[in-house]
Amino acid sequence: MPVKHIECSGTPYEIGYLHGQGAKTEVHGSIAFYGAFFKQRTKLAWPEVREVARRFVPFIESSYPEYVEEMHGVADGAGVDLESIVALNVRTEIAYGMLSDGCTALSWKTSDASFLAQNWDWNFEQTPNIICLSIKQPPKANIHMMTEGGIIGKIGLNSAGVGVTLNAIQAPGVSYDKLPCHLALRTVLDSASKEAAADALRKTGVASACHITIADSSSGGIGFECTALDIIEMPMETDGQLPGTCTHSNHLIKKHKVEGTLFLNDSPFRLDRIQELMRTADKPSMEKISEMLKDDKNYPTAINRAVGEKSTSQTLFSIVMDLRKGFARVKMGRPTEDGEVFELKP
């Protein structure tokens, strides 16, 4: 089945309503998937999940009321309750930073190019609920992103040349007065530059463990390695063999106020491997980076991930963003297998 492409515009509520109405099947599919996932992972039934989600609403409503309006719209459009949509948008926090997405991300800036890319690895059962969302919301930048039905912020780029990627990290703790991870991604996509996005996250903090790479067309990338207690910034390399780059996988690289756990033993391998591949390339291009994301070394727990005895997730899509030229190329499924290919052009 081809990925559903949904175009949204108008007020935050109208944007959400078009999302919910257009992706009604995928929103209900996401609720079913995460209902089962949370039950298995955290022993919480969906009514309890909704109670946890409700605890995030006061902070979001006071600091980012437009996101609550948009989630209201999604709920009404899909015919579900608001708390269920909030639960999808705080899915990382509900599992207390313990979701096992296994993703490899890179940002690469040279004098004449700026790229941002990742493989998004997750449970294969969520594949039918992936959607491509286009948002027009003047005076803010247009957004084009890959997300899951019902989630209003994820991986993509905007018309101001700002892009964002996400890596899950396992570390205990959740904060109800900071930005949930997926809404932090949306905040980046609502920003006019890398620096504006970085300032917004510095100001509010992020509610649980994750790694967010922010990049723009002019100044390249920066990594925000987050836990519920702190953010440690990881600027672009300035010297060595990989100047102008940021890379990350699924473990805490820096020392934080809370200790992370290595929930994917292959995470350090994938980080070393992507850096090794980048060192062999002269300079970045859409084609070279796409090839790197196909890398099968250490299969099935490779950059190009597959389900196997050591892996319950696989690469569900890969994305390479050319922030200078203002577009991204998305390949659905594992990069080496047949799958739909299309472009995001905010």
Protein backbone atom coordinates (compact mmCIF):
# COMPACT_ATOMS: atom_id res chain seq x y z
CA MET A 1 0.00 0.00 0.00
CA PRO A 2 1.37 3.46 -0.90
CA VAL A 3 1.93 5.93 1.91
CA LYS A 4 -0.97 8.31 2.50
CA HIS A 5 -0.10 11.96 1.72
CA ILE A 6 -2.20 14.51 3.60
CA GLU A 7 -2.18 18.27 3.01
CA CYS A 8 -3.23 20.51 5.89
CA SER A 9 -3.62 24.27 6.17
CA GLY A 10 -5.47 26.89 8.20
CA THR A 11 -5.69 27.45 11.95
CA PRO A 12 -4.07 24.93 14.30
CA TYR A 13 -7.48 23.29 14.86
CA GLU A 14 -8.17 23.13 11.10
CA ILE A 15 -4.72 21.65 10.41
CA GLY A 16 -5.37 19.00 13.04
CA TYR A 17 -8.88 18.27 11.79
CA LEU A 18 -7.64 17.68 8.22
CA HIS A 19 -4.90 15.40 9.59
CA GLY A 20 -7.37 13.41 11.72
CA GLN A 21 -9.99 13.19 8.99
CA GLY A 22 -7.53 12.29 6.24
CA ALA A 23 -5.64 9.75 8.35
CA LYS A 24 -8.55 8.38 10.36
CA THR A 25 -7.61 4.76 9.63
CA GLU A 26 -3.95 5.41 10.51
CA VAL A 27 -4.83 7.29 13.73
CA HIS A 28 -6.99 4.38 14.91
CA GLY A 29 -4.21 2.01 13.80
CA SER A 30 -1.64 3.95 15.85
CA ILE A 31 -3.89 3.83 18.94
CA ALA A 32 -4.31 0.07 18.52
CA PHE A 33 -0.56 -0.45 18.00
CA TYR A 34 0.51 1.67 20.98
CA GLY A 35 -2.30 0.30 23.13
CA ALA A 36 -0.80 -3.17 22.74
CA PHE A 37 2.77 -1.85 22.96
CA PHE A 38 2.23 0.07 26.22
CA LYS A 39 0.37 -2.86 27.76
CA GLN A 40 3.31 -5.14 27.05
CA ARG A 41 6.04 -2.62 27.89
CA THR A 42 4.66 -0.70 30.87
CA LYS A 43 1.68 -2.85 31.97
CA LEU A 44 -0.60 0.19 31.45
CA ALA A 45 -4.02 -0.37 29.89
CA TRP A 46 -5.24 2.37 27.52
CA PRO A 47 -7.44 4.15 30.14
CA GLU A 48 -4.34 4.41 32.37
CA VAL A 49 -2.26 5.61 29.42
CA ARG A 50 -4.83 8.39 28.86
CA GLU A 51 -4.53 9.38 32.53
CA VAL A 52 -0.75 9.72 32.17
CA ALA A 53 -1.23 11.74 28.96
CA ARG A 54 -3.59 14.11 30.77
CA ARG A 55 -0.76 15.10 33.12
CA PHE A 56 1.13 16.68 30.22
CA VAL A 57 -1.75 18.90 29.10
CA PRO A 58 -1.40 21.80 31.62
CA PHE A 59 2.21 22.58 30.60
CA ILE A 60 1.54 22.22 26.86
CA GLU A 61 -1.64 24.30 27.14
CA SER A 62 0.14 27.12 28.98
CA SER A 63 3.32 27.16 26.84
CA TYR A 64 2.20 25.82 23.43
CA PRO A 65 -1.61 26.21 23.29
CA GLU A 66 -1.58 25.87 19.49
CA TYR A 67 -0.37 22.27 19.84
CA VAL A 68 -3.30 21.40 22.11
CA GLU A 69 -5.66 23.02 19.56
CA GLU A 70 -4.08 20.99 16.75
CA MET A 71 -4.38 17.77 18.77
CA HIS A 72 -8.04 18.65 19.50
CA GLY A 73 -8.52 18.93 15.75
CA VAL A 74 -6.86 15.56 15.11
CA ALA A 75 -9.09 13.96 17.75
CA ASP A 76 -12.28 15.45 16.30
CA GLY A 77 -11.27 14.62 12.73
CA ALA A 78 -10.50 11.01 13.61
CA GLY A 79 -13.45 10.61 16.00
CA VAL A 80 -11.41 9.86 19.15
CA ASP A 81 -10.87 11.61 22.49
CA LEU A 82 -8.19 14.25 23.03
CA GLU A 83 -6.30 12.21 25.63
CA SER A 84 -5.74 9.40 23.13
CA ILE A 85 -4.12 11.85 20.68
CA VAL A 86 -2.02 13.41 23.46
CA ALA A 87 -0.96 9.86 24.41
CA LEU A 88 0.34 9.25 20.87
CA ASN A 89 2.26 12.52 20.96
CA VAL A 90 3.86 11.68 24.32
CA ARG A 91 4.47 8.04 23.44
CA THR A 92 8.19 8.28 24.24
CA GLU A 93 7.43 9.73 27.67
CA ILE A 94 4.69 7.21 28.51
CA ALA A 95 7.23 4.44 28.08
CA TYR A 96 9.64 6.61 30.15
CA GLY A 97 12.24 6.89 27.47
CA MET A 98 12.26 3.13 26.98
CA LEU A 99 11.04 2.75 23.41
CA SER A 100 13.31 0.60 21.27
CA ASP A 101 13.47 2.62 18.04
CA GLY A 102 16.87 1.85 16.53
CA CYS A 103 17.87 4.68 14.22
CA THR A 104 21.11 5.99 12.75
CA ALA A 105 21.30 9.70 11.91
CA LEU A 106 23.84 12.06 10.33
CA SER A 107 24.20 15.74 9.54
CA TRP A 108 26.89 16.88 7.09
CA LYS A 109 27.75 20.46 6.18
CA THR A 110 30.34 21.64 3.65
CA SER A 111 30.96 25.06 2.10
CA ASP A 112 28.39 24.37 -0.61
CA ALA A 113 26.03 21.75 0.86
CA SER A 114 24.03 20.85 3.97
CA PHE A 115 22.54 17.36 4.36
CA LEU A 116 20.57 15.65 7.13
CA ALA A 117 19.62 11.96 6.96
CA GLN A 118 18.50 8.93 8.91
CA ASN A 119 17.06 5.44 8.77
CA TRP A 120 13.93 5.25 10.95
CA ASP A 121 13.77 1.80 12.55
CA TRP A 122 10.71 0.62 14.41
CA ASN A 123 8.33 -2.32 14.85
CA PHE A 124 7.15 -3.55 11.46
CA GLU A 125 3.51 -3.66 12.66
CA GLN A 126 3.41 0.16 12.68
CA THR A 127 4.22 0.37 8.94
CA PRO A 128 0.59 0.81 7.76
CA ASN A 129 0.16 3.82 10.05
CA ILE A 130 3.06 5.88 8.67
CA ILE A 131 1.84 9.01 6.86
CA CYS A 132 3.41 11.91 4.98
CA LEU A 133 2.08 15.21 6.34
CA SER A 134 2.27 18.59 4.61
CA ILE A 135 1.38 21.66 6.71
CA LYS A 136 0.88 25.25 5.52
CA GLN A 137 0.56 27.62 8.48
CA PRO A 138 1.50 31.21 7.58
CA PRO A 139 3.30 33.22 8.84
CA LYS A 140 5.31 30.18 10.02
CA ALA A 141 7.31 28.08 7.56
CA ASN A 142 5.62 25.28 5.61
CA ILE A 143 6.39 21.79 6.93
CA HIS A 144 6.73 18.46 5.12
CA MET A 145 7.37 15.47 7.38
CA MET A 146 7.13 11.74 7.84
CA THR A 147 5.10 10.80 10.90
CA GLU A 148 2.69 8.28 12.40
CA GLY A 149 -1.07 8.77 12.24
CA GLY A 150 -2.08 11.17 15.03
CA ILE A 151 1.44 12.47 15.86
CA ILE A 152 1.90 16.16 14.99
CA GLY A 153 5.71 16.32 15.02
CA LYS A 154 8.36 13.94 13.72
CA ILE A 155 11.08 13.73 11.02
CA GLY A 156 11.29 16.15 8.11
CA LEU A 157 12.06 19.69 6.96
CA ASN A 158 10.48 23.10 6.48
CA SER A 159 10.49 25.84 3.85
CA ALA A 160 13.06 27.86 5.87
CA GLY A 161 15.61 25.09 5.24
CA VAL A 162 15.43 23.62 8.77
CA GLY A 163 15.40 19.83 9.19
CA VAL A 164 15.15 17.47 12.15
CA THR A 165 15.82 13.80 12.94
CA LEU A 166 15.22 11.66 16.04
CA ASN A 167 17.09 8.85 17.82
CA ALA A 168 15.49 7.04 20.77
CA ILE A 169 17.60 6.65 23.91
CA GLN A 170 16.76 4.62 27.00
CA ALA A 171 17.24 6.47 30.30
CA PRO A 172 14.88 6.66 33.27
CA GLY A 173 12.73 9.68 34.08
CA VAL A 174 10.01 11.89 32.66
CA SER A 175 9.24 15.56 33.25
CA TYR A 176 5.69 16.89 33.00
CA ASP A 177 6.79 20.53 32.71
CA LYS A 178 9.01 20.18 29.63
CA LEU A 179 8.30 19.60 25.94
CA PRO A 180 7.48 15.97 25.09
CA CYS A 181 9.94 14.60 22.55
CA HIS A 182 7.63 14.60 19.50
CA LEU A 183 6.37 18.11 20.25
CA ALA A 184 10.01 19.20 20.53
CA LEU A 185 10.47 17.89 16.96
CA ARG A 186 7.45 19.95 15.87
CA THR A 187 8.91 23.02 17.60
CA VAL A 188 12.06 22.59 15.49
CA LEU A 189 9.97 22.35 12.32
CA ASP A 190 8.07 25.51 13.34
CA SER A 191 11.37 27.42 13.61
CA ALA A 192 12.95 29.80 11.09
CA SER A 193 16.54 28.65 11.70
CA LYS A 194 18.68 26.10 13.53
CA GLU A 195 19.53 28.69 16.17
CA ALA A 196 15.88 29.65 16.77
CA ALA A 197 14.99 25.96 17.15
CA ALA A 198 17.91 25.35 19.50
CA ASP A 199 16.93 28.36 21.62
CA ALA A 200 13.35 27.08 21.92
CA LEU A 201 14.53 23.69 23.21
CA ARG A 202 17.08 25.27 25.54
CA LYS A 203 14.29 27.39 27.01
CA THR A 204 11.74 24.62 27.62
CA GLY A 205 13.81 21.44 27.94
CA VAL A 206 12.74 18.01 26.68
CA ALA A 207 10.58 15.71 28.80
CA SER A 208 12.42 12.41 28.29
CA ALA A 209 15.52 10.78 26.88
CA CYS A 210 16.14 11.13 23.13
CA HIS A 211 18.62 12.60 20.67
CA ILE A 212 17.46 15.33 18.30
CA THR A 213 19.60 16.53 15.39
CA ILE A 214 18.71 20.02 14.15
CA ALA A 215 20.24 21.35 10.93
CA ASP A 216 19.63 24.17 8.50
CA SER A 217 20.78 25.15 5.03
CA SER A 218 23.33 27.75 6.10
CA SER A 219 24.92 26.64 9.37
CA GLY A 220 24.77 22.83 9.36
CA GLY A 221 23.79 20.66 12.31
CA ILE A 222 23.78 20.42 16.09
CA GLY A 223 22.85 17.46 18.27
CA PHE A 224 20.73 17.78 21.42
CA GLU A 225 21.31 14.74 23.62
CA CYS A 226 18.40 14.89 26.07
CA THR A 227 17.24 13.26 29.27
CA ALA A 228 14.35 14.31 31.50
CA LEU A 229 16.88 16.17 33.67
CA ASP A 230 19.23 17.86 31.19
CA ILE A 231 20.30 18.59 27.62
CA ILE A 232 23.90 18.31 26.47
CA GLU A 233 24.62 19.92 23.14
CA MET A 234 26.82 18.20 20.58
CA PRO A 235 28.00 20.77 18.01
CA MET A 236 29.35 19.86 14.59
CA GLU A 237 32.86 18.44 14.47
CA THR A 238 35.24 21.27 13.59
CA ASP A 239 38.42 19.32 12.96
CA GLY A 240 39.63 15.74 12.69
CA GLN A 241 38.58 13.49 9.82
CA LEU A 242 34.90 14.49 9.73
CA PRO A 243 34.63 18.29 10.01
CA GLY A 244 31.13 19.70 9.58
CA THR A 245 29.36 16.53 10.75
CA CYS A 246 27.09 15.34 13.56
CA THR A 247 26.27 11.65 14.00
CA HIS A 248 24.26 9.67 16.52
CA SER A 249 22.56 6.32 17.16
CA ASN A 250 20.77 5.04 20.29
CA HIS A 251 22.92 5.50 23.39
CA LEU A 252 24.05 8.42 25.53
CA ILE A 253 27.50 9.52 24.41
CA LYS A 254 27.92 12.30 26.99
CA LYS A 255 27.80 12.22 30.79
CA HIS A 256 24.34 13.19 32.12
CA LYS A 257 22.63 13.65 35.48
CA VAL A 258 20.99 10.28 34.86
CA GLU A 259 22.61 7.12 33.47
CA GLY A 260 21.36 5.65 30.22
CA THR A 261 21.22 1.94 29.42
CA LEU A 262 22.42 0.30 26.24
CA PHE A 263 19.10 -1.18 25.14
CA LEU A 264 20.44 -1.90 21.64
CA ASN A 265 23.87 -3.50 21.89
CA ASP A 266 24.54 -2.65 18.26
CA SER A 267 24.17 1.12 18.80
CA PRO A 268 27.93 1.84 19.26
CA PHE A 269 28.71 -0.34 16.23
CA ARG A 270 26.26 1.59 14.01
CA LEU A 271 27.68 4.93 15.17
CA ASP A 272 31.25 3.83 14.39
CA ARG A 273 30.15 2.34 11.08
CA ILE A 274 28.38 5.46 9.78
CA GLN A 275 31.44 7.54 10.68
CA GLU A 276 33.68 5.02 8.88
CA LEU A 277 31.50 5.22 5.76
CA MET A 278 31.51 9.03 5.87
CA ARG A 279 35.31 9.10 6.09
CA THR A 280 35.54 7.13 2.84
CA ALA A 281 33.44 9.72 0.97
CA ASP A 282 35.01 12.88 -0.38
CA LYS A 283 32.02 15.06 0.25
CA PRO A 284 28.30 14.49 0.80
CA SER A 285 25.68 14.02 -1.90
CA MET A 286 22.17 12.62 -2.01
CA GLU A 287 23.45 9.49 -3.77
CA LYS A 288 26.42 8.84 -1.46
CA ILE A 289 24.37 9.25 1.72
CA SER A 290 21.58 7.05 0.33
CA GLU A 291 24.20 4.34 -0.29
CA MET A 292 25.48 4.63 3.29
CA LEU A 293 21.97 4.03 4.62
CA LYS A 294 21.92 0.72 2.67
CA ASP A 295 24.89 -0.63 4.66
CA ASP A 296 24.28 -4.23 5.80
CA LYS A 297 27.43 -4.82 7.86
CA ASN A 298 26.51 -6.57 11.15
CA TYR A 299 23.20 -7.75 9.63
CA PRO A 300 20.46 -7.92 10.89
CA THR A 301 21.42 -5.23 13.44
CA ALA A 302 23.01 -3.05 10.76
CA ILE A 303 22.46 0.58 9.77
CA ASN A 304 20.03 -1.00 7.29
CA ARG A 305 18.19 -2.93 9.99
CA ALA A 306 16.15 -6.11 9.59
CA VAL A 307 14.04 -8.24 11.90
CA GLY A 308 16.01 -11.21 13.24
CA GLU A 309 16.86 -13.09 16.42
CA LYS A 310 18.68 -10.03 17.78
CA SER A 311 16.29 -7.43 16.38
CA THR A 312 12.53 -6.92 16.77
CA SER A 313 12.56 -3.77 14.62
CA GLN A 314 13.65 -2.93 11.11
CA THR A 315 14.18 0.12 8.92
CA LEU A 316 10.68 1.33 7.98
CA PHE A 317 11.89 4.28 5.91
CA SER A 318 15.04 6.21 5.10
CA ILE A 319 15.18 9.95 4.48
CA VAL A 320 17.92 12.14 3.02
CA MET A 321 17.36 15.92 3.19
CA ASP A 322 19.21 18.36 0.93
CA LEU A 323 18.62 21.49 3.01
CA ARG A 324 20.33 23.81 0.49
CA LYS A 325 18.05 22.69 -2.32
CA GLY A 326 15.03 22.48 -0.02
CA PHE A 327 13.85 18.91 -0.58
CA ALA A 328 14.13 15.41 0.86
CA ARG A 329 14.03 11.97 -0.71
CA VAL A 330 12.15 9.28 1.20
CA LYS A 331 12.49 5.55 0.53
CA MET A 332 9.90 3.35 2.22
CA GLY A 333 10.98 0.01 3.68
CA ARG A 334 14.55 -1.21 3.97
CA PRO A 335 16.78 0.82 1.62
CA THR A 336 17.96 -2.31 -0.24
CA GLU A 337 14.47 -3.69 -0.87
CA ASP A 338 11.63 -2.65 -3.14
CA GLY A 339 9.61 0.23 -1.77
CA GLU A 340 7.96 3.50 -2.69
CA VAL A 341 10.24 6.51 -3.31
CA PHE A 342 9.00 10.10 -3.19
CA GLU A 343 10.15 13.62 -2.37
CA LEU A 344 9.21 16.07 0.37
CA LYS A 345 9.13 19.69 -0.86
CA PRO A 346 7.85 22.13 1.76
